[in-house]
Protein backbone atom coordinates (compact mmCIF):
# COMPACT_ATOMS: atom_id res chain seq x y z
CA UNK A 1 163.09 8.63 -23.47
CA UNK A 2 160.94 7.36 -20.57
CA UNK A 3 164.37 6.20 -18.85
CA UNK A 4 165.65 9.84 -19.16
CA UNK A 5 162.71 11.35 -17.36
CA UNK A 6 162.81 8.88 -14.53
CA UNK A 7 166.46 9.18 -13.97
CA UNK A 8 166.38 12.80 -12.23
CA UNK A 9 163.54 11.50 -9.93
CA UNK A 10 165.55 8.36 -8.84
CA UNK A 11 168.64 10.57 -8.40
CA UNK A 12 166.86 13.15 -6.34
CA UNK A 13 165.01 10.40 -4.29
CA UNK A 14 168.31 8.67 -3.55
CA UNK A 15 169.95 11.98 -2.49
CA UNK A 16 166.94 12.82 -0.17
CA UNK A 17 167.14 9.42 1.46
CA UNK A 18 170.80 9.73 1.99
CA UNK A 19 170.51 13.14 3.39
CA UNK A 20 167.62 12.07 5.76
CA UNK A 21 169.76 9.23 6.97
CA UNK A 22 172.72 11.64 7.68
CA UNK A 23 170.24 14.05 9.54
CA UNK A 24 168.88 10.99 11.48
CA UNK A 25 172.48 10.00 12.26
CA UNK A 26 173.28 13.58 13.58
CA UNK A 27 170.15 13.52 15.70
CA UNK A 28 171.18 9.86 17.06
CA UNK A 29 174.79 11.07 17.77
CA UNK A 30 173.49 14.26 19.63
CA UNK A 31 171.07 12.18 21.65
CA UNK A 32 173.86 9.72 22.49
CA UNK A 33 176.38 12.41 23.54
CA UNK A 34 173.64 13.92 25.70
CA UNK A 35 173.01 10.68 27.50
CA UNK A 36 176.73 10.16 27.97
CA UNK A 37 176.85 13.55 29.67
CA UNK A 38 173.97 12.74 31.84
CA UNK A 39 175.77 9.36 32.83
CA UNK A 40 179.03 11.44 33.49
CA UNK A 41 177.02 13.81 35.75
CA UNK A 42 175.74 10.90 37.75
CA UNK A 43 179.10 9.32 37.92
CA UNK A 44 180.61 12.74 39.01
CA UNK A 45 177.88 13.06 41.81
CA UNK A 46 178.36 9.48 42.91
CA UNK A 47 182.07 10.14 43.32
CA UNK A 48 181.95 13.39 45.09
CA UNK A 49 179.05 12.07 47.32
CA UNK A 50 181.15 9.14 48.45
CA UNK A 51 184.26 11.03 48.82
CA UNK A 52 182.59 13.77 51.02
CA UNK A 53 180.74 11.14 53.23
CA UNK A 54 184.15 9.08 53.62
CA UNK A 55 185.94 12.29 54.68
CA UNK A 56 183.22 13.30 56.97
CA UNK A 57 183.71 9.96 58.99
CA UNK A 58 187.30 11.19 59.79
CA UNK A 59 186.58 14.84 60.48
CA UNK A 60 184.59 18.11 59.49
CA UNK A 61 187.81 19.96 58.42
CA UNK A 62 188.73 16.83 56.04
CA UNK A 63 185.15 16.79 54.75
CA UNK A 64 185.37 20.49 53.92
CA UNK A 65 188.66 20.02 52.27
CA UNK A 66 187.22 17.30 50.16
CA UNK A 67 184.15 19.49 49.34
CA UNK A 68 186.48 22.12 47.96
CA UNK A 69 188.37 19.61 45.92
CA UNK A 70 185.20 18.11 44.48
CA UNK A 71 183.53 21.48 43.96
CA UNK A 72 180.62 20.56 46.35
CA UNK A 73 178.69 23.43 47.51
CA UNK A 74 176.96 21.68 50.31
CA UNK A 75 175.88 18.30 51.76
CA UNK A 76 172.84 17.67 53.90
CA UNK A 77 170.75 15.21 55.57
CA UNK A 78 167.05 15.50 55.24
CA UNK A 79 163.83 14.01 56.85
CA UNK A 80 161.33 12.17 54.72
CA UNK A 81 159.37 15.31 54.42
CA UNK A 82 162.46 17.12 52.84
CA UNK A 83 163.34 19.14 55.86
CA UNK A 84 166.94 19.69 56.68
CA UNK A 85 168.28 17.88 59.69
CA UNK A 86 171.98 18.43 59.52
CA UNK A 87 174.04 20.16 56.87
CA UNK A 88 177.68 21.09 56.07
CA UNK A 89 178.04 23.96 53.50
CA UNK A 90 175.44 25.67 51.55
CA UNK A 91 172.12 23.69 51.26
CA UNK A 92 168.47 24.59 51.11
CA UNK A 93 166.42 24.45 54.32
CA UNK A 94 163.84 22.02 52.45
CA UNK A 95 164.20 20.08 49.27
CA UNK A 96 161.22 19.27 47.07
CA UNK A 97 161.36 15.39 47.29
CA UNK A 98 158.60 15.21 44.70
CA UNK A 99 160.98 16.39 42.00
CA UNK A 100 163.08 13.26 42.68
CA UNK A 101 160.46 10.60 43.77
CA UNK A 102 159.87 8.90 40.31
CA UNK A 103 163.68 8.56 39.68
CA UNK A 104 164.27 7.53 42.99
CA UNK A 105 161.57 4.72 42.93
CA UNK A 106 163.22 3.32 39.77
CA UNK A 107 166.69 3.43 41.24
CA UNK A 108 165.83 2.12 44.65
CA UNK A 109 164.20 -1.04 42.99
CA UNK A 110 166.94 -1.56 40.65
CA UNK A 111 170.08 -0.69 42.60
CA UNK A 112 169.32 0.71 46.14
CA UNK A 113 172.86 1.73 46.77
CA UNK A 114 172.68 4.56 44.21
CA UNK A 115 170.96 7.92 44.05
CA UNK A 116 169.73 10.26 41.31
CA UNK A 117 171.52 13.43 40.07
CA UNK A 118 169.57 16.21 38.40
CA UNK A 119 170.65 19.66 36.94
CA UNK A 120 168.71 22.41 38.60
CA UNK A 121 168.68 25.19 35.89
CA UNK A 122 167.52 27.73 38.43
CA UNK A 123 170.46 27.57 40.59
CA UNK A 124 173.00 25.99 38.02
CA UNK A 125 173.77 23.31 40.39
CA UNK A 126 173.79 19.46 40.08
CA UNK A 127 171.69 18.14 42.88
CA UNK A 128 172.23 14.49 44.03
CA UNK A 129 169.78 12.79 46.32
CA UNK A 130 169.97 9.24 47.85
CA UNK A 131 167.78 7.25 50.22
CA UNK A 132 169.47 6.52 53.59
CA UNK A 133 170.50 3.09 54.62
CA UNK A 134 167.38 2.82 56.80
CA UNK A 135 164.96 3.33 54.07
CA UNK A 136 166.61 1.06 51.87
CA UNK A 137 166.72 -1.76 54.67
CA UNK A 138 163.05 -1.22 55.15
CA UNK A 139 162.19 -1.29 51.46
CA UNK A 140 164.14 -4.50 50.79
CA UNK A 141 162.60 -6.37 53.84
CA UNK A 142 166.27 -6.70 55.51
CA UNK A 143 164.97 -4.78 58.51
CA UNK A 144 161.36 -5.53 59.86
CA UNK A 145 159.26 -3.82 62.35
CA UNK A 146 158.48 -5.52 65.61
CA UNK A 147 154.80 -6.70 66.39
CA UNK A 148 154.19 -3.21 67.95
CA UNK A 149 155.25 -1.61 64.83
CA UNK A 150 158.36 -0.16 66.14
CA UNK A 151 162.05 -0.59 64.80
CA UNK A 152 164.00 -3.40 66.65
CA UNK A 153 166.96 -0.98 66.81
CA UNK A 154 167.20 2.64 67.43
CA UNK A 155 167.07 4.83 64.40
CA UNK A 156 170.62 5.50 63.39
CA UNK A 157 170.05 6.64 59.78
CA UNK A 158 168.22 9.69 58.31
CA UNK A 159 165.76 9.39 55.57
CA UNK A 160 167.37 11.26 52.67
CA UNK A 161 170.97 12.37 51.82
CA UNK A 162 171.57 15.26 49.61
CA UNK A 163 174.57 16.91 47.87
CA UNK A 164 174.69 19.83 45.42
CA UNK A 165 177.64 21.01 43.47
CA UNK A 166 178.75 23.35 40.50
CA UNK A 167 176.92 22.37 37.33
CA UNK A 168 178.01 25.18 35.06
CA UNK A 169 180.48 22.86 33.07
CA UNK A 170 177.87 20.20 32.58
CA UNK A 171 175.38 22.88 31.29
CA UNK A 172 178.00 24.34 28.98
CA UNK A 173 178.73 20.82 27.47
CA UNK A 174 175.05 20.26 26.83
CA UNK A 175 174.69 23.67 25.18
CA UNK A 176 177.83 22.97 22.95
CA UNK A 177 176.37 19.49 22.11
CA UNK A 178 173.01 21.01 21.13
CA UNK A 179 174.49 23.67 19.06
CA UNK A 180 176.86 21.25 17.11
CA UNK A 181 173.88 19.28 16.55
CA UNK A 182 171.80 21.89 15.24
CA UNK A 183 174.58 23.44 13.07
CA UNK A 184 175.26 19.99 11.58
CA UNK A 185 171.69 19.54 10.58
CA UNK A 186 171.46 22.91 8.99
CA UNK A 187 174.74 22.24 7.16
CA UNK A 188 173.43 19.10 5.78
CA UNK A 189 170.07 20.69 4.85
CA UNK A 190 172.05 23.44 3.05
CA UNK A 191 174.32 21.01 1.16
CA UNK A 192 171.18 19.06 0.09
CA UNK A 193 169.58 22.20 -1.34
CA UNK A 194 172.90 23.07 -3.18
CA UNK A 195 172.87 19.72 -4.66
CA UNK A 196 169.37 19.96 -5.91
CA UNK A 197 170.05 23.34 -7.52
């Protein structure tokens, strides 16, 4: 008799643990897919950045063609204050560097040859920003100032390089992943409630 009373409790507890593990797994997979999309965005931004800058070394017309192929809206060179110095395409006059500063500090310490890509929900654009070579050389100590505090060579490099391109596909993929994660969790909860009844 006592064993019969404990049996439903053990079954329900086992089912609850199994369903909680399944919901945890759905949450884990959703998070992993979102991280994969962020890495994909970073990779696409790096590829577009490198393609456009390589084309820009040849000619402006080649750079514009490459920008169209890579869906790049604009590319710009900015001062350390975030003011535009040079640009090609459609880029803002100023960029808020504080939005990127924490990510750039981490990246410049680990790998100074990469930048950071972020999705701007207001403009629906992916924005990519990278320190210039001069800033990297100064930060890594490969280029030092003279005793008078001046650079030993003329400044050939800008401070910040910026690129933006269409991020609508990235945003749609994130929404799809979120919806699938929520629907999967709700289906699991509904199945659990059906099994209990």
